[in-house]
Amino acid sequence: MKPIFIAQASRQGSPAPAVRFPAAALHRLASGCRPGIFVPGLLAAGLGLLTACTIPLPSAQPDLTRYYLLAAAPGQPGGDAGPALKRWIVGVRAVNIAPYLQTRSFAVRSQANEVILLDSTRWGEPLDQGIARVVAENLQSLKNVLRVSTQPFRADEQRDFEVLLRVTACEGATNGEVRFSAGWRILAPTAVAGTVAEGNYTASGLRWDGRDYGQLAAKLSEAVGALSHEIAAALPKDTTKS
């Protein structure tokens, strides 16, 4: 059996001989192989290829992550509440939150010293920014506040007072308790006046069912609303109209 040589162009452009065997010669070669070597091996390779082609590929899984936001308290209806109060211009500084809360994941306390961070249940914005936003919105709706801004403040912006917040707890518990605690301080923007008022707020009586995280976000929003009212009540009671 003589192979047939065919000239082919190499990568460098010069012809290079290629070998091609006639079909009849290939058939005789296959027929002359010893049983148990060529044909069974070819069959096994074919079956292996077929098996590999029928392995199901993993399907794409939907993203089940849920996102929630804190919400401002409903606006309070106006009414005759005694002498008109001076309406202050207030700035809310960046909120300082405990390190374990510096994550988008919801925190659920299962024991006194154990906190579970939920990957599939998240805040739709950084928690410190969400609390600052809601406190500002709540203060803006109150009768003794004229205008509220948040950091970064404009250089030409006038402020009568600034609010500092440090949040130490903002989570649900597996026993149904809603935990929210924050220290607050009201400062005059001038160094001479310093601290006008300060205090600590801890939510009480708030419960959730341990499963509905939308409900937990709503209860934490209630806690931020109560904190906002406590801060507004501590502003100076100047009854001179602005």
Protein backbone atom coordinates (compact mmCIF):
# COMPACT_ATOMS: atom_id res chain seq x y z
CA MET A 1 0.00 0.00 0.00
CA LYS A 2 1.54 3.21 -1.15
CA PRO A 3 0.41 6.53 0.29
CA ILE A 4 -0.54 9.34 -2.07
CA PHE A 5 1.46 12.51 -1.48
CA ILE A 6 -0.30 15.86 -2.04
CA ALA A 7 1.53 19.16 -1.92
CA GLN A 8 0.06 21.69 0.53
CA ALA A 9 1.20 25.19 1.35
CA SER A 10 2.92 25.54 4.71
CA ARG A 11 2.54 28.60 6.94
CA GLN A 12 5.70 30.02 5.37
CA GLY A 13 4.17 29.71 1.89
CA SER A 14 6.33 26.84 0.56
CA PRO A 15 4.59 23.61 -0.47
CA ALA A 16 4.74 20.84 2.09
CA PRO A 17 3.86 17.20 1.34
CA ALA A 18 0.73 15.82 2.97
CA VAL A 19 -0.16 12.15 3.19
CA ARG A 20 -3.59 10.79 2.26
CA PHE A 21 -4.43 7.10 2.16
CA PRO A 22 -6.98 5.75 -0.34
CA ALA A 23 -10.33 4.71 1.13
CA ALA A 24 -9.87 1.06 0.12
CA ALA A 25 -6.55 0.93 1.90
CA LEU A 26 -8.05 2.37 5.05
CA HIS A 27 -10.82 -0.26 4.94
CA ARG A 28 -8.27 -3.07 4.61
CA LEU A 29 -6.27 -1.58 7.47
CA ALA A 30 -9.31 -1.56 9.73
CA SER A 31 -10.28 -5.12 8.71
CA GLY A 32 -6.80 -6.41 9.44
CA CYS A 33 -6.67 -5.10 12.98
CA ARG A 34 -6.75 -7.63 15.72
CA PRO A 35 -10.10 -8.02 17.46
CA GLY A 36 -10.37 -6.20 20.77
CA ILE A 37 -8.07 -3.32 19.85
CA PHE A 38 -9.27 -1.03 17.07
CA VAL A 39 -13.04 -1.46 16.76
CA PRO A 40 -13.91 -1.75 20.46
CA GLY A 41 -11.67 1.21 21.24
CA LEU A 42 -13.39 3.28 18.57
CA LEU A 43 -16.78 2.24 19.89
CA ALA A 44 -15.84 3.19 23.45
CA ALA A 45 -14.63 6.59 22.31
CA GLY A 46 -17.88 7.18 20.46
CA LEU A 47 -19.98 6.22 23.44
CA GLY A 48 -17.93 8.49 25.68
CA LEU A 49 -18.46 11.40 23.29
CA LEU A 50 -22.20 10.71 23.17
CA THR A 51 -22.41 10.58 26.96
CA ALA A 52 -20.55 13.88 27.29
CA CYS A 53 -22.92 15.53 24.85
CA THR A 54 -26.01 14.47 26.81
CA ILE A 55 -24.89 15.84 30.23
CA PRO A 56 -27.46 18.55 31.14
CA LEU A 57 -26.05 22.03 31.69
CA PRO A 58 -27.06 23.88 34.87
CA SER A 59 -29.89 26.34 34.23
CA ALA A 60 -29.70 29.99 35.29
CA GLN A 61 -31.25 30.60 38.70
CA PRO A 62 -33.32 33.74 39.40
CA ASP A 63 -31.94 36.30 41.83
CA LEU A 64 -34.13 36.02 44.95
CA THR A 65 -32.51 38.94 46.79
CA ARG A 66 -35.05 41.40 48.24
CA TYR A 67 -34.26 45.06 48.88
CA TYR A 68 -35.94 47.38 51.40
CA LEU A 69 -35.84 51.06 52.33
CA LEU A 70 -36.57 52.99 55.49
CA ALA A 71 -39.52 55.36 55.11
CA ALA A 72 -40.35 58.72 56.63
CA ALA A 73 -43.29 58.99 59.02
CA PRO A 74 -46.56 60.33 57.60
CA GLY A 75 -46.79 64.11 57.77
CA GLN A 76 -48.43 65.50 60.88
CA PRO A 77 -51.60 67.52 60.27
CA GLY A 78 -51.34 71.17 61.23
CA GLY A 79 -53.38 72.66 64.03
CA ASP A 80 -53.54 75.30 66.72
CA ALA A 81 -50.86 74.20 69.17
CA GLY A 82 -50.34 77.43 71.09
CA PRO A 83 -47.94 80.25 70.20
CA ALA A 84 -46.14 80.07 66.90
CA LEU A 85 -42.64 78.65 67.19
CA LYS A 86 -39.55 79.92 65.47
CA ARG A 87 -38.72 77.57 62.63
CA TRP A 88 -35.09 76.51 62.62
CA ILE A 89 -32.76 75.60 59.78
CA VAL A 90 -31.21 72.24 60.68
CA GLY A 91 -28.40 70.23 59.17
CA VAL A 92 -28.10 66.47 59.67
CA ARG A 93 -24.49 65.35 59.67
CA ALA A 94 -23.34 61.97 58.37
CA VAL A 95 -24.65 59.22 60.65
CA ASN A 96 -22.15 57.10 62.55
CA ILE A 97 -23.33 53.49 62.80
CA ALA A 98 -21.89 50.53 64.68
CA PRO A 99 -19.36 48.51 62.63
CA TYR A 100 -21.52 45.37 62.45
CA LEU A 101 -24.25 47.43 60.76
CA GLN A 102 -21.92 48.73 58.04
CA THR A 103 -23.31 46.28 55.48
CA ARG A 104 -26.27 46.15 53.11
CA SER A 105 -27.43 42.85 54.66
CA PHE A 106 -30.25 42.84 57.20
CA ALA A 107 -29.08 41.99 60.70
CA VAL A 108 -31.12 39.58 62.82
CA ARG A 109 -30.08 38.88 66.39
CA SER A 110 -30.61 35.25 67.33
CA GLN A 111 -28.94 35.37 70.75
CA ALA A 112 -27.41 38.00 72.99
CA ASN A 113 -24.01 37.61 71.32
CA GLU A 114 -24.97 36.24 67.88
CA VAL A 115 -26.05 38.29 64.87
CA ILE A 116 -27.08 36.74 61.54
CA LEU A 117 -26.39 38.82 58.40
CA LEU A 118 -28.84 37.87 55.64
CA ASP A 119 -27.39 37.76 52.12
CA SER A 120 -30.79 37.54 50.43
CA THR A 121 -32.40 40.41 52.38
CA ARG A 122 -30.68 43.75 51.92
CA TRP A 123 -31.08 47.47 52.35
CA GLY A 124 -31.56 49.33 49.08
CA GLU A 125 -29.07 52.00 50.19
CA PRO A 126 -26.26 52.20 52.77
CA LEU A 127 -27.91 52.14 56.18
CA ASP A 128 -26.18 55.29 57.45
CA GLN A 129 -27.41 57.24 54.42
CA GLY A 130 -30.91 55.82 54.76
CA ILE A 131 -31.16 56.87 58.43
CA ALA A 132 -29.84 60.36 57.66
CA ARG A 133 -32.33 60.72 54.80
CA VAL A 134 -35.33 59.64 56.89
CA VAL A 135 -34.38 61.79 59.90
CA ALA A 136 -34.09 64.79 57.57
CA GLU A 137 -37.47 64.05 55.96
CA ASN A 138 -39.11 63.60 59.36
CA LEU A 139 -37.67 66.84 60.75
CA GLN A 140 -38.73 68.73 57.64
CA SER A 141 -42.37 67.82 58.31
CA LEU A 142 -42.37 69.21 61.88
CA LYS A 143 -43.70 72.65 62.73
CA ASN A 144 -40.58 74.04 64.42
CA VAL A 145 -38.27 73.22 61.49
CA LEU A 146 -38.08 75.44 58.42
CA ARG A 147 -35.54 73.61 56.33
CA VAL A 148 -33.27 70.55 56.63
CA SER A 149 -30.13 69.62 54.73
CA THR A 150 -27.73 66.68 54.91
CA GLN A 151 -24.01 66.40 54.39
CA PRO A 152 -22.18 67.42 52.32
CA PHE A 153 -23.35 70.92 53.21
CA ARG A 154 -22.99 73.80 50.81
CA ALA A 155 -20.32 76.33 51.79
CA ASP A 156 -22.80 79.24 51.60
CA GLU A 157 -25.59 77.44 53.46
CA GLN A 158 -26.87 78.92 56.71
CA ARG A 159 -27.72 76.51 59.55
CA ASP A 160 -29.04 77.29 63.01
CA PHE A 161 -28.25 73.83 64.40
CA GLU A 162 -26.60 70.59 63.36
CA VAL A 163 -27.62 67.08 64.44
CA LEU A 164 -25.12 64.31 65.16
CA LEU A 165 -26.28 60.68 65.38
CA ARG A 166 -24.59 57.46 66.42
CA VAL A 167 -26.70 54.34 65.83
CA THR A 168 -25.77 51.37 68.01
CA ALA A 169 -28.57 48.93 67.12
CA CYS A 170 -30.85 48.57 64.09
CA GLU A 171 -32.15 45.03 63.67
CA GLY A 172 -34.83 42.51 64.40
CA ALA A 173 -34.53 39.58 66.78
CA THR A 174 -35.71 36.01 66.30
CA ASN A 175 -37.92 36.40 69.39
CA GLY A 176 -39.93 39.14 67.61
CA GLU A 177 -38.28 42.16 69.22
CA VAL A 178 -37.32 45.18 67.10
CA ARG A 179 -34.07 46.72 68.31
CA PHE A 180 -33.12 50.32 67.56
CA SER A 181 -30.87 52.55 69.68
CA ALA A 182 -29.13 55.80 68.90
CA GLY A 183 -27.33 58.59 70.69
CA TRP A 184 -28.00 62.12 69.42
CA ARG A 185 -26.58 65.59 69.92
CA ILE A 186 -27.70 69.03 68.75
CA LEU A 187 -24.88 71.48 68.10
CA ALA A 188 -24.79 75.14 67.21
CA PRO A 189 -22.56 75.62 64.16
CA THR A 190 -20.44 78.18 66.04
CA ALA A 191 -17.78 76.87 68.41
CA VAL A 192 -18.91 79.30 71.11
CA ALA A 193 -22.35 77.76 71.62
CA GLY A 194 -21.25 74.10 71.52
CA THR A 195 -23.76 71.43 72.52
CA VAL A 196 -27.34 72.65 72.81
CA ALA A 197 -28.91 69.32 73.81
CA GLU A 198 -28.11 65.60 73.73
CA GLY A 199 -29.69 62.29 74.65
CA ASN A 200 -30.08 58.61 73.94
CA TYR A 201 -33.09 57.01 72.30
CA THR A 202 -34.05 53.32 72.52
CA ALA A 203 -37.17 51.97 70.82
CA SER A 204 -39.59 50.02 72.98
CA GLY A 205 -42.75 48.07 72.31
CA LEU A 206 -42.01 47.40 68.62
CA ARG A 207 -42.55 43.83 67.42
CA TRP A 208 -42.37 41.90 64.15
CA ASP A 209 -43.38 38.35 63.19
CA GLY A 210 -39.81 37.10 62.61
CA ARG A 211 -40.45 36.35 58.91
CA ASP A 212 -41.73 39.45 57.10
CA TYR A 213 -38.72 41.67 56.44
CA GLY A 214 -40.88 44.38 54.90
CA GLN A 215 -42.64 44.53 58.25
CA LEU A 216 -39.27 44.76 60.02
CA ALA A 217 -38.21 47.67 57.76
CA ALA A 218 -41.50 49.43 58.56
CA LYS A 219 -41.02 48.97 62.32
CA LEU A 220 -37.46 50.28 62.14
CA SER A 221 -38.84 53.26 60.20
CA GLU A 222 -41.22 53.89 63.10
CA ALA A 223 -38.25 53.88 65.47
CA VAL A 224 -36.38 56.44 63.32
CA GLY A 225 -39.55 58.55 63.29
CA ALA A 226 -39.75 58.55 67.09
CA LEU A 227 -36.06 59.47 67.26
CA SER A 228 -36.71 62.40 64.92
CA HIS A 229 -39.53 63.69 67.13
CA GLU A 230 -37.31 63.46 70.20
CA ILE A 231 -34.63 65.54 68.46
CA ALA A 232 -37.15 68.15 67.28
CA ALA A 233 -38.59 68.45 70.78
CA ALA A 234 -35.10 69.28 72.10
CA LEU A 235 -34.63 72.27 69.78
CA PRO A 236 -34.86 75.63 71.58
CA LYS A 237 -38.41 76.85 72.17
CA ASP A 238 -38.10 80.34 70.74
CA THR A 239 -41.63 81.69 70.32
CA THR A 240 -40.53 84.68 68.24
CA LYS A 241 -41.79 84.37 64.67
CA SER A 242 -39.09 84.08 62.04
